[in-house]
Amino acid sequence: MGRTDNKPPWASKVPKGPLEIPDPHDLVDRKFATRFIAERSRSNYDSIRQQRGKIGQQLDTALQSGKLKSSHGRFRFGDLTAWALTKTKLAGAFEGIPAFNTGNASLTLQPMQVLGFGYSLPVSLDACQDALKSAYLELNKLREENRQMQTTIDSLQPYKDKADAHSRSGSIHGKKGGRGHSK
């Protein structure tokens, strides 16, 4: 029994009835977390007390290992959600609740050049028609440029075929020893 309130140590001071889903940034304590998870992932084999005990042990392990971080015995509900979703038996309790997690990343980049492109839609009908007209002009210009490049590629194809045949011939002769030498 509890020391002063004559309640068992596992008894929660959380109000009776179904628990509301907190905001991901809200701080919750271990009692709330165990009750919340136990109510939403009810096991057919364990009593609610046994299930709370198992969930409490998992929470303690996560807190000790650093997978779940607390401040003065409380942790963010979003962190609890992210941690529970990694556990197959607890993930069902957080179905339909958006996960919230933070992370840090660092990397070293070599100097590089970055190009960007942005476009905003015109607001009036006349401006939209003008933008559409210029887009069609650019499209036709690019189609013509593409056709000219395809013609150039087609005209260079015989040279490529000849170079490929020469390369295959050189490979065959090289495997035999080349220039009259045998391997």
N, C-alpha and C. Protein backbone atom coordinates (compact mmCIF):
# COMPACT_ATOMS: atom_id res chain seq x y z
N MET A 1 0.83 -1.18 0.00
CA MET A 1 0.00 0.00 0.00
C MET A 1 0.87 1.24 0.00
N GLY A 2 0.31 2.34 -0.47
CA GLY A 2 1.02 3.60 -0.48
C GLY A 2 1.28 4.09 0.93
N ARG A 3 2.23 4.94 1.07
CA ARG A 3 2.61 5.39 2.41
C ARG A 3 1.53 6.23 3.08
N THR A 4 1.01 7.24 2.42
CA THR A 4 0.10 8.17 3.11
C THR A 4 -1.32 8.14 2.58
N ASP A 5 -1.53 7.79 1.34
CA ASP A 5 -2.88 7.89 0.79
C ASP A 5 -3.65 6.58 0.83
N ASN A 6 -3.06 5.51 1.37
CA ASN A 6 -3.71 4.22 1.52
C ASN A 6 -4.18 3.64 0.19
N LYS A 7 -3.46 3.99 -0.90
CA LYS A 7 -3.75 3.45 -2.22
C LYS A 7 -2.58 2.59 -2.64
N PRO A 8 -2.84 1.59 -3.47
CA PRO A 8 -1.71 0.80 -3.98
C PRO A 8 -0.77 1.69 -4.79
N PRO A 9 0.54 1.36 -4.82
CA PRO A 9 1.52 2.22 -5.49
C PRO A 9 1.25 2.42 -6.98
N TRP A 10 0.59 1.47 -7.63
CA TRP A 10 0.37 1.59 -9.06
C TRP A 10 -0.85 2.42 -9.39
N ALA A 11 -1.66 2.77 -8.40
CA ALA A 11 -2.89 3.51 -8.65
C ALA A 11 -2.55 4.89 -9.22
N SER A 12 -3.25 5.26 -10.26
CA SER A 12 -2.98 6.51 -10.93
C SER A 12 -3.88 7.61 -10.39
N LYS A 13 -3.37 8.82 -10.36
CA LYS A 13 -4.18 9.97 -9.97
C LYS A 13 -4.80 10.62 -11.19
N VAL A 14 -4.74 9.93 -12.33
CA VAL A 14 -5.34 10.43 -13.56
C VAL A 14 -6.85 10.25 -13.43
N PRO A 15 -7.65 11.19 -13.89
CA PRO A 15 -9.10 11.08 -13.76
C PRO A 15 -9.63 9.81 -14.40
N LYS A 16 -10.75 9.32 -13.86
CA LYS A 16 -11.38 8.09 -14.39
C LYS A 16 -12.02 8.39 -15.73
N GLY A 17 -12.28 7.33 -16.50
CA GLY A 17 -12.88 7.49 -17.81
C GLY A 17 -11.82 7.44 -18.90
N PRO A 18 -12.26 7.40 -20.16
CA PRO A 18 -11.28 7.32 -21.25
C PRO A 18 -10.41 8.57 -21.30
N LEU A 19 -9.16 8.35 -21.60
CA LEU A 19 -8.20 9.45 -21.64
C LEU A 19 -8.25 10.15 -22.99
N GLU A 20 -8.11 11.45 -22.95
CA GLU A 20 -8.04 12.23 -24.18
C GLU A 20 -6.63 12.14 -24.76
N ILE A 21 -6.54 12.34 -26.06
CA ILE A 21 -5.24 12.30 -26.73
C ILE A 21 -4.58 13.67 -26.56
N PRO A 22 -3.43 13.72 -25.91
CA PRO A 22 -2.76 15.02 -25.72
C PRO A 22 -2.12 15.52 -27.01
N ASP A 23 -1.74 16.77 -26.98
CA ASP A 23 -0.98 17.38 -28.07
C ASP A 23 0.43 16.78 -28.06
N PRO A 24 1.08 16.63 -29.22
CA PRO A 24 2.43 16.04 -29.23
C PRO A 24 3.44 16.78 -28.37
N HIS A 25 3.23 18.06 -28.11
CA HIS A 25 4.17 18.83 -27.31
C HIS A 25 3.85 18.79 -25.82
N ASP A 26 2.70 18.22 -25.45
CA ASP A 26 2.33 18.16 -24.03
C ASP A 26 3.22 17.20 -23.27
N LEU A 27 3.51 17.55 -22.02
CA LEU A 27 4.31 16.68 -21.16
C LEU A 27 3.37 15.73 -20.43
N VAL A 28 3.74 14.45 -20.43
CA VAL A 28 2.96 13.43 -19.72
C VAL A 28 3.91 12.67 -18.79
N ASP A 29 3.34 12.07 -17.75
CA ASP A 29 4.17 11.30 -16.83
C ASP A 29 4.01 9.81 -17.10
N ARG A 30 4.74 9.03 -16.37
CA ARG A 30 4.76 7.58 -16.56
C ARG A 30 3.40 6.97 -16.28
N LYS A 31 2.69 7.46 -15.25
CA LYS A 31 1.37 6.92 -14.91
C LYS A 31 0.39 7.11 -16.05
N PHE A 32 0.38 8.32 -16.61
CA PHE A 32 -0.51 8.59 -17.72
C PHE A 32 -0.16 7.70 -18.90
N ALA A 33 1.14 7.59 -19.20
CA ALA A 33 1.58 6.81 -20.36
C ALA A 33 1.18 5.34 -20.22
N THR A 34 1.38 4.76 -19.04
CA THR A 34 1.03 3.34 -18.87
C THR A 34 -0.47 3.14 -18.99
N ARG A 35 -1.25 4.04 -18.40
CA ARG A 35 -2.70 3.89 -18.48
C ARG A 35 -3.18 4.11 -19.92
N PHE A 36 -2.65 5.12 -20.59
CA PHE A 36 -3.05 5.42 -21.96
C PHE A 36 -2.79 4.23 -22.88
N ILE A 37 -1.58 3.68 -22.79
CA ILE A 37 -1.22 2.56 -23.66
C ILE A 37 -2.04 1.32 -23.29
N ALA A 38 -2.21 1.05 -22.00
CA ALA A 38 -2.95 -0.13 -21.56
C ALA A 38 -4.41 -0.07 -22.01
N GLU A 39 -5.03 1.08 -21.93
CA GLU A 39 -6.43 1.20 -22.35
C GLU A 39 -6.60 1.03 -23.84
N ARG A 40 -5.64 1.51 -24.61
CA ARG A 40 -5.78 1.47 -26.07
C ARG A 40 -5.27 0.19 -26.69
N SER A 41 -4.48 -0.60 -25.97
CA SER A 41 -3.99 -1.87 -26.52
C SER A 41 -4.34 -2.99 -25.54
N ARG A 42 -5.59 -3.21 -25.34
CA ARG A 42 -6.08 -4.17 -24.35
C ARG A 42 -5.72 -5.59 -24.78
N SER A 43 -5.09 -6.35 -23.89
CA SER A 43 -4.71 -7.74 -24.15
C SER A 43 -5.79 -8.67 -23.60
N ASN A 44 -6.06 -9.73 -24.31
CA ASN A 44 -7.05 -10.70 -23.85
C ASN A 44 -6.50 -11.62 -22.77
N TYR A 45 -5.19 -11.68 -22.65
CA TYR A 45 -4.57 -12.64 -21.75
C TYR A 45 -4.16 -12.03 -20.41
N ASP A 46 -3.92 -10.74 -20.35
CA ASP A 46 -3.45 -10.10 -19.14
C ASP A 46 -4.54 -9.22 -18.53
N SER A 47 -4.49 -9.11 -17.22
CA SER A 47 -5.38 -8.14 -16.57
C SER A 47 -4.81 -6.74 -16.83
N ILE A 48 -5.61 -5.73 -16.57
CA ILE A 48 -5.15 -4.36 -16.80
C ILE A 48 -3.95 -4.05 -15.92
N ARG A 49 -3.92 -4.63 -14.72
CA ARG A 49 -2.81 -4.39 -13.81
C ARG A 49 -1.52 -5.03 -14.35
N GLN A 50 -1.63 -6.27 -14.86
CA GLN A 50 -0.45 -6.93 -15.43
C GLN A 50 0.04 -6.17 -16.67
N GLN A 51 -0.91 -5.72 -17.46
CA GLN A 51 -0.52 -5.01 -18.68
C GLN A 51 0.16 -3.69 -18.34
N ARG A 52 -0.35 -2.97 -17.35
CA ARG A 52 0.30 -1.73 -16.93
C ARG A 52 1.71 -2.00 -16.42
N GLY A 53 1.88 -3.09 -15.70
CA GLY A 53 3.20 -3.45 -15.20
C GLY A 53 4.18 -3.72 -16.33
N LYS A 54 3.74 -4.46 -17.34
CA LYS A 54 4.62 -4.75 -18.48
C LYS A 54 4.98 -3.47 -19.24
N ILE A 55 3.98 -2.62 -19.45
CA ILE A 55 4.23 -1.37 -20.16
C ILE A 55 5.16 -0.47 -19.34
N GLY A 56 4.95 -0.45 -18.02
CA GLY A 56 5.82 0.34 -17.15
C GLY A 56 7.26 -0.13 -17.22
N GLN A 57 7.46 -1.45 -17.28
CA GLN A 57 8.83 -1.98 -17.40
C GLN A 57 9.46 -1.55 -18.71
N GLN A 58 8.68 -1.60 -19.79
CA GLN A 58 9.21 -1.17 -21.09
C GLN A 58 9.55 0.32 -21.08
N LEU A 59 8.71 1.12 -20.44
CA LEU A 59 8.99 2.55 -20.33
C LEU A 59 10.27 2.80 -19.53
N ASP A 60 10.41 2.07 -18.40
CA ASP A 60 11.62 2.23 -17.58
C ASP A 60 12.87 1.87 -18.37
N THR A 61 12.80 0.78 -19.12
CA THR A 61 13.94 0.36 -19.93
C THR A 61 14.27 1.42 -20.98
N ALA A 62 13.24 1.97 -21.62
CA ALA A 62 13.46 2.99 -22.65
C ALA A 62 14.06 4.25 -22.04
N LEU A 63 13.62 4.61 -20.85
CA LEU A 63 14.16 5.79 -20.18
C LEU A 63 15.61 5.56 -19.77
N GLN A 64 15.92 4.37 -19.27
CA GLN A 64 17.29 4.08 -18.84
C GLN A 64 18.25 3.99 -20.02
N SER A 65 17.76 3.45 -21.14
CA SER A 65 18.64 3.30 -22.31
C SER A 65 18.76 4.59 -23.12
N GLY A 66 17.93 5.57 -22.83
CA GLY A 66 18.00 6.84 -23.55
C GLY A 66 17.13 6.89 -24.79
N LYS A 67 16.36 5.85 -25.06
CA LYS A 67 15.48 5.86 -26.22
C LYS A 67 14.30 6.79 -26.00
N LEU A 68 13.99 7.05 -24.75
CA LEU A 68 12.93 7.98 -24.37
C LEU A 68 13.53 8.90 -23.32
N LYS A 69 13.49 10.19 -23.57
CA LYS A 69 14.14 11.13 -22.67
C LYS A 69 13.10 11.85 -21.83
N SER A 70 13.41 11.97 -20.54
CA SER A 70 12.47 12.63 -19.65
C SER A 70 13.14 13.80 -18.95
N SER A 71 12.30 14.69 -18.49
CA SER A 71 12.75 15.83 -17.71
C SER A 71 11.88 15.88 -16.46
N HIS A 72 12.49 15.62 -15.31
CA HIS A 72 11.76 15.59 -14.04
C HIS A 72 10.62 14.57 -14.06
N GLY A 73 10.86 13.42 -14.67
CA GLY A 73 9.88 12.35 -14.69
C GLY A 73 8.77 12.52 -15.71
N ARG A 74 8.88 13.50 -16.56
CA ARG A 74 7.86 13.74 -17.58
C ARG A 74 8.54 13.77 -18.95
N PHE A 75 7.79 13.40 -19.97
CA PHE A 75 8.32 13.41 -21.32
C PHE A 75 7.23 13.87 -22.27
N ARG A 76 7.65 14.30 -23.46
CA ARG A 76 6.68 14.77 -24.45
C ARG A 76 5.87 13.61 -24.99
N PHE A 77 4.59 13.87 -25.20
CA PHE A 77 3.71 12.83 -25.74
C PHE A 77 4.14 12.42 -27.14
N GLY A 78 4.65 13.37 -27.93
CA GLY A 78 5.14 13.05 -29.28
C GLY A 78 6.31 12.09 -29.25
N ASP A 79 7.21 12.25 -28.26
CA ASP A 79 8.34 11.33 -28.12
C ASP A 79 7.84 9.94 -27.70
N LEU A 80 6.85 9.92 -26.82
CA LEU A 80 6.25 8.65 -26.41
C LEU A 80 5.64 7.94 -27.61
N THR A 81 4.93 8.68 -28.44
CA THR A 81 4.31 8.11 -29.64
C THR A 81 5.37 7.53 -30.57
N ALA A 82 6.43 8.30 -30.83
CA ALA A 82 7.49 7.84 -31.73
C ALA A 82 8.16 6.58 -31.18
N TRP A 83 8.38 6.53 -29.86
CA TRP A 83 9.01 5.36 -29.26
C TRP A 83 8.07 4.16 -29.35
N ALA A 84 6.80 4.34 -29.03
CA ALA A 84 5.85 3.23 -29.01
C ALA A 84 5.63 2.65 -30.41
N LEU A 85 5.73 3.48 -31.43
CA LEU A 85 5.54 2.98 -32.79
C LEU A 85 6.67 2.05 -33.23
N THR A 86 7.80 2.08 -32.53
CA THR A 86 8.88 1.16 -32.84
C THR A 86 8.66 -0.20 -32.19
N LYS A 87 7.71 -0.29 -31.24
CA LYS A 87 7.39 -1.54 -30.55
C LYS A 87 6.15 -2.14 -31.19
N THR A 88 6.27 -3.38 -31.67
CA THR A 88 5.16 -3.98 -32.39
C THR A 88 3.92 -4.18 -31.52
N LYS A 89 4.10 -4.54 -30.26
CA LYS A 89 2.95 -4.78 -29.40
C LYS A 89 2.28 -3.49 -28.93
N LEU A 90 3.01 -2.38 -28.95
CA LEU A 90 2.46 -1.12 -28.48
C LEU A 90 1.98 -0.22 -29.61
N ALA A 91 2.40 -0.52 -30.83
CA ALA A 91 2.09 0.36 -31.96
C ALA A 91 0.59 0.49 -32.19
N GLY A 92 -0.18 -0.54 -31.90
CA GLY A 92 -1.63 -0.48 -32.10
C GLY A 92 -2.30 0.55 -31.23
N ALA A 93 -1.72 0.85 -30.09
CA ALA A 93 -2.30 1.83 -29.17
C ALA A 93 -2.22 3.24 -29.75
N PHE A 94 -1.33 3.47 -30.71
CA PHE A 94 -1.14 4.80 -31.25
C PHE A 94 -1.61 4.88 -32.70
N GLU A 95 -2.48 3.98 -33.08
CA GLU A 95 -3.02 3.99 -34.44
C GLU A 95 -3.86 5.24 -34.64
N GLY A 96 -3.59 5.96 -35.69
CA GLY A 96 -4.33 7.18 -35.98
C GLY A 96 -3.80 8.42 -35.28
N ILE A 97 -2.76 8.28 -34.48
CA ILE A 97 -2.16 9.42 -33.79
C ILE A 97 -0.90 9.79 -34.55
N PRO A 98 -0.76 11.04 -34.98
CA PRO A 98 0.44 11.40 -35.75
C PRO A 98 1.69 11.31 -34.91
N ALA A 99 2.73 10.71 -35.48
CA ALA A 99 4.01 10.58 -34.78
C ALA A 99 4.76 11.90 -34.86
N PHE A 100 5.49 12.18 -33.83
CA PHE A 100 6.26 13.42 -33.76
C PHE A 100 7.61 13.06 -33.18
N ASN A 101 8.65 13.37 -33.92
CA ASN A 101 9.97 13.06 -33.42
C ASN A 101 10.95 14.09 -33.96
N THR A 102 12.01 14.28 -33.25
CA THR A 102 13.03 15.20 -33.69
C THR A 102 14.32 14.44 -33.88
N GLY A 103 15.19 14.97 -34.68
CA GLY A 103 16.47 14.33 -34.91
C GLY A 103 17.49 15.36 -35.33
N ASN A 104 18.72 14.98 -35.25
CA ASN A 104 19.81 15.85 -35.66
C ASN A 104 20.62 15.13 -36.72
N ALA A 105 21.11 15.88 -37.66
CA ALA A 105 21.97 15.31 -38.69
C ALA A 105 23.06 16.32 -39.00
N SER A 106 24.23 15.81 -39.29
CA SER A 106 25.32 16.69 -39.71
C SER A 106 26.07 16.00 -40.83
N LEU A 107 26.56 16.80 -41.75
CA LEU A 107 27.33 16.25 -42.86
C LEU A 107 28.29 17.31 -43.36
N THR A 108 29.31 16.86 -44.01
CA THR A 108 30.32 17.75 -44.57
C THR A 108 30.18 17.71 -46.07
N LEU A 109 30.06 18.86 -46.66
CA LEU A 109 29.89 18.95 -48.11
C LEU A 109 31.12 19.60 -48.74
N GLN A 110 31.45 19.13 -49.90
CA GLN A 110 32.49 19.78 -50.67
C GLN A 110 31.88 21.00 -51.34
N PRO A 111 32.71 21.97 -51.72
CA PRO A 111 32.14 23.13 -52.41
C PRO A 111 31.40 22.69 -53.66
N MET A 112 30.24 23.26 -53.86
CA MET A 112 29.44 22.87 -55.02
C MET A 112 28.66 24.07 -55.52
N GLN A 113 28.13 23.91 -56.69
CA GLN A 113 27.31 24.94 -57.29
C GLN A 113 25.87 24.48 -57.25
N VAL A 114 24.98 25.34 -56.80
CA VAL A 114 23.57 24.99 -56.70
C VAL A 114 22.78 25.93 -57.58
N LEU A 115 21.91 25.37 -58.39
CA LEU A 115 21.05 26.17 -59.24
C LEU A 115 19.62 26.00 -58.74
N GLY A 116 18.85 27.04 -58.80
CA GLY A 116 17.47 26.95 -58.35
C GLY A 116 16.54 27.55 -59.39
N PHE A 117 15.29 27.15 -59.33
CA PHE A 117 14.29 27.65 -60.24
C PHE A 117 13.00 27.80 -59.46
N GLY A 118 12.36 28.91 -59.58
CA GLY A 118 11.09 29.13 -58.91
C GLY A 118 10.10 29.77 -59.86
N TYR A 119 8.84 29.56 -59.60
CA TYR A 119 7.82 30.10 -60.46
C TYR A 119 6.58 30.34 -59.62
N SER A 120 5.96 31.49 -59.80
CA SER A 120 4.69 31.76 -59.12
C SER A 120 3.63 31.99 -60.17
N LEU A 121 2.44 31.53 -59.90
CA LEU A 121 1.36 31.65 -60.87
C LEU A 121 0.86 33.09 -60.94
N PRO A 122 0.56 33.56 -62.14
CA PRO A 122 -0.01 34.90 -62.27
C PRO A 122 -1.40 34.97 -61.63
N VAL A 123 -1.80 36.17 -61.23
CA VAL A 123 -3.06 36.29 -60.50
C VAL A 123 -4.24 36.69 -61.37
N SER A 124 -3.99 37.30 -62.51
CA SER A 124 -5.11 37.73 -63.36
C SER A 124 -5.22 36.83 -64.60
N LEU A 125 -6.38 36.88 -65.25
CA LEU A 125 -6.61 36.08 -66.45
C LEU A 125 -5.68 36.50 -67.58
N ASP A 126 -5.50 37.80 -67.78
CA ASP A 126 -4.61 38.28 -68.84
C ASP A 126 -3.17 37.83 -68.60
N ALA A 127 -2.73 37.90 -67.35
CA ALA A 127 -1.37 37.48 -67.03
C ALA A 127 -1.21 35.98 -67.24
N CYS A 128 -2.25 35.21 -66.93
CA CYS A 128 -2.20 33.75 -67.15
C CYS A 128 -2.11 33.44 -68.64
N GLN A 129 -2.90 34.17 -69.46
CA GLN A 129 -2.86 33.94 -70.90
C GLN A 129 -1.50 34.30 -71.48
N ASP A 130 -0.91 35.39 -71.00
CA ASP A 130 0.43 35.77 -71.47
C ASP A 130 1.47 34.73 -71.07
N ALA A 131 1.36 34.22 -69.85
CA ALA A 131 2.30 33.19 -69.38
C ALA A 131 2.14 31.91 -70.19
N LEU A 132 0.90 31.55 -70.50
CA LEU A 132 0.64 30.36 -71.31
C LEU A 132 1.20 30.53 -72.71
N LYS A 133 1.04 31.72 -73.29
CA LYS A 133 1.57 32.00 -74.63
C LYS A 133 3.09 31.88 -74.65
N SER A 134 3.77 32.46 -73.66
CA SER A 134 5.23 32.37 -73.62
C SER A 134 5.68 30.93 -73.35
N ALA A 135 4.92 30.17 -72.57
CA ALA A 135 5.27 28.77 -72.33
C ALA A 135 5.16 27.96 -73.62
N TYR A 136 4.11 28.22 -74.44
CA TYR A 136 3.98 27.52 -75.71
C TYR A 136 5.12 27.88 -76.67
N LEU A 137 5.51 29.16 -76.69
CA LEU A 137 6.63 29.56 -77.55
C LEU A 137 7.91 28.85 -77.13
N GLU A 138 8.15 28.78 -75.83
CA GLU A 138 9.35 28.09 -75.34
C GLU A 138 9.28 26.60 -75.64
N LEU A 139 8.10 26.01 -75.50
CA LEU A 139 7.93 24.59 -75.80
C LEU A 139 8.24 24.30 -77.26
N ASN A 140 7.71 25.13 -78.16
CA ASN A 140 7.97 24.92 -79.59
C ASN A 140 9.45 25.09 -79.92
N LYS A 141 10.10 26.08 -79.27
CA LYS A 141 11.54 26.29 -79.47
C LYS A 141 12.33 25.05 -79.02
N LEU A 142 11.98 24.50 -77.86
CA LEU A 142 12.66 23.31 -77.34
C LEU A 142 12.40 22.08 -78.21
N ARG A 143 11.18 21.96 -78.74
CA ARG A 143 10.88 20.83 -79.64
C ARG A 143 11.74 20.90 -80.90
N GLU A 144 11.90 22.10 -81.45
CA GLU A 144 12.73 22.26 -82.66
C GLU A 144 14.19 21.95 -82.35
N GLU A 145 14.67 22.41 -81.20
CA GLU A 145 16.05 22.12 -80.79
C GLU A 145 16.24 20.61 -80.60
N ASN A 146 15.26 19.96 -80.03
CA ASN A 146 15.32 18.51 -79.82
C ASN A 146 15.34 17.77 -81.17
N ARG A 147 14.52 18.24 -82.13
CA ARG A 147 14.50 17.61 -83.45
C ARG A 147 15.85 17.74 -84.14
N GLN A 148 16.48 18.91 -84.03
CA GLN A 148 17.79 19.12 -84.64
C GLN A 148 18.85 18.22 -83.99
N MET A 149 18.79 18.07 -82.68
CA MET A 149 19.74 17.19 -82.00
C MET A 149 19.53 15.74 -82.40
N GLN A 150 18.28 15.32 -82.55
CA GLN A 150 18.01 13.95 -82.97
C GLN A 150 18.53 13.70 -84.37
N THR A 151 18.41 14.68 -85.26
CA THR A 151 18.96 14.56 -86.62
C THR A 151 20.47 14.41 -86.57
N THR A 152 21.13 15.18 -85.73
CA THR A 152 22.59 15.08 -85.57
C THR A 152 22.98 13.70 -85.05
N ILE A 153 22.24 13.20 -84.07
CA ILE A 153 22.53 11.87 -83.52
C ILE A 153 22.38 10.81 -84.60
N ASP A 154 21.30 10.91 -85.38
CA ASP A 154 21.08 9.93 -86.46
C ASP A 154 22.19 9.98 -87.49
N SER A 155 22.71 11.18 -87.79
CA SER A 155 23.78 11.29 -88.79
C SER A 155 25.11 10.74 -88.25
N LEU A 156 25.29 10.73 -86.93
CA LEU A 156 26.53 10.23 -86.34
C LEU A 156 26.49 8.73 -86.04
N GLN A 157 25.33 8.10 -86.17
CA GLN A 157 25.18 6.69 -85.83
C GLN A 157 26.12 5.78 -86.63
N PRO A 158 26.31 5.97 -87.96
CA PRO A 158 27.24 5.10 -88.69
C PRO A 158 28.67 5.16 -88.13
N TYR A 159 29.10 6.34 -87.67
CA TYR A 159 30.45 6.46 -87.10
C TYR A 159 30.55 5.68 -85.78
N LYS A 160 29.48 5.70 -85.02
CA LYS A 160 29.47 4.96 -83.76
C LYS A 160 29.54 3.46 -84.03
N ASP A 161 28.76 3.00 -85.01
CA ASP A 161 28.78 1.58 -85.34
C ASP A 161 30.18 1.15 -85.79
N LYS A 162 30.84 1.99 -86.61
CA LYS A 162 32.19 1.67 -87.09
C LYS A 162 33.17 1.63 -85.92
N ALA A 163 33.06 2.58 -84.98
CA ALA A 163 33.95 2.60 -83.83
C ALA A 163 33.71 1.38 -82.93
N ASP A 164 32.48 0.97 -82.77
CA ASP A 164 32.18 -0.23 -81.97
C ASP A 164 32.78 -1.48 -82.61
N ALA A 165 32.66 -1.60 -83.94
CA ALA A 165 33.24 -2.76 -84.64
C ALA A 165 34.76 -2.76 -84.50
N HIS A 166 35.38 -1.59 -84.60
CA HIS A 166 36.83 -1.50 -84.45
C HIS A 166 37.25 -1.88 -83.03
N SER A 167 36.48 -1.47 -82.05
CA SER A 167 36.77 -1.80 -80.66
C SER A 167 36.67 -3.31 -80.42
N ARG A 168 35.62 -3.94 -80.97
CA ARG A 168 35.46 -5.40 -80.82
C ARG A 168 36.62 -6.13 -81.49
N SER A 169 37.00 -5.66 -82.67
CA SER A 169 38.11 -6.29 -83.39
C SER A 169 39.40 -6.16 -82.59
N GLY A 170 39.66 -4.98 -82.04
CA GLY A 170 40.86 -4.78 -81.24
C GLY A 170 40.85 -5.64 -79.99
N SER A 171 39.68 -5.84 -79.40
CA SER A 171 39.57 -6.67 -78.21
C SER A 171 39.89 -8.12 -78.55
N ILE A 172 39.38 -8.59 -79.68
CA ILE A 172 39.64 -9.98 -80.08
C ILE A 172 41.13 -10.18 -80.36
N HIS A 173 41.72 -9.26 -81.11
CA HIS A 173 43.14 -9.39 -81.43
C HIS A 173 44.00 -9.22 -80.18
N GLY A 174 43.57 -8.38 -79.27
CA GLY A 174 44.33 -8.19 -78.03
C GLY A 174 44.33 -9.46 -77.18
N LYS A 175 43.23 -10.19 -77.20
CA LYS A 175 43.16 -11.44 -76.43
C LYS A 175 44.05 -12.52 -77.05
N LYS A 176 44.29 -12.40 -78.38
CA LYS A 176 45.15 -13.38 -79.05
C LYS A 176 46.62 -13.02 -78.92
N GLY A 177 46.94 -11.85 -78.48
CA GLY A 177 48.33 -11.43 -78.30
C GLY A 177 48.64 -10.18 -79.09
N GLY A 178 47.93 -9.90 -80.14
CA GLY A 178 48.08 -8.67 -80.90
C GLY A 178 49.40 -8.58 -81.64
N ARG A 179 49.45 -7.91 -82.76
CA ARG A 179 50.62 -7.63 -83.59
C ARG A 179 51.48 -8.86 -83.84
N GLY A 180 50.84 -9.97 -84.11
CA GLY A 180 51.59 -11.17 -84.48
C GLY A 180 52.13 -11.95 -83.32
N HIS A 181 51.94 -11.53 -82.10
CA HIS A 181 52.41 -12.26 -80.93
C HIS A 181 51.28 -13.12 -80.40
N SER A 182 51.59 -14.31 -80.02
CA SER A 182 50.56 -15.18 -79.46
C SER A 182 50.75 -15.30 -77.97
N LYS A 183 49.67 -15.48 -77.30
CA LYS A 183 49.72 -15.61 -75.86
C LYS A 183 49.78 -17.06 -75.46
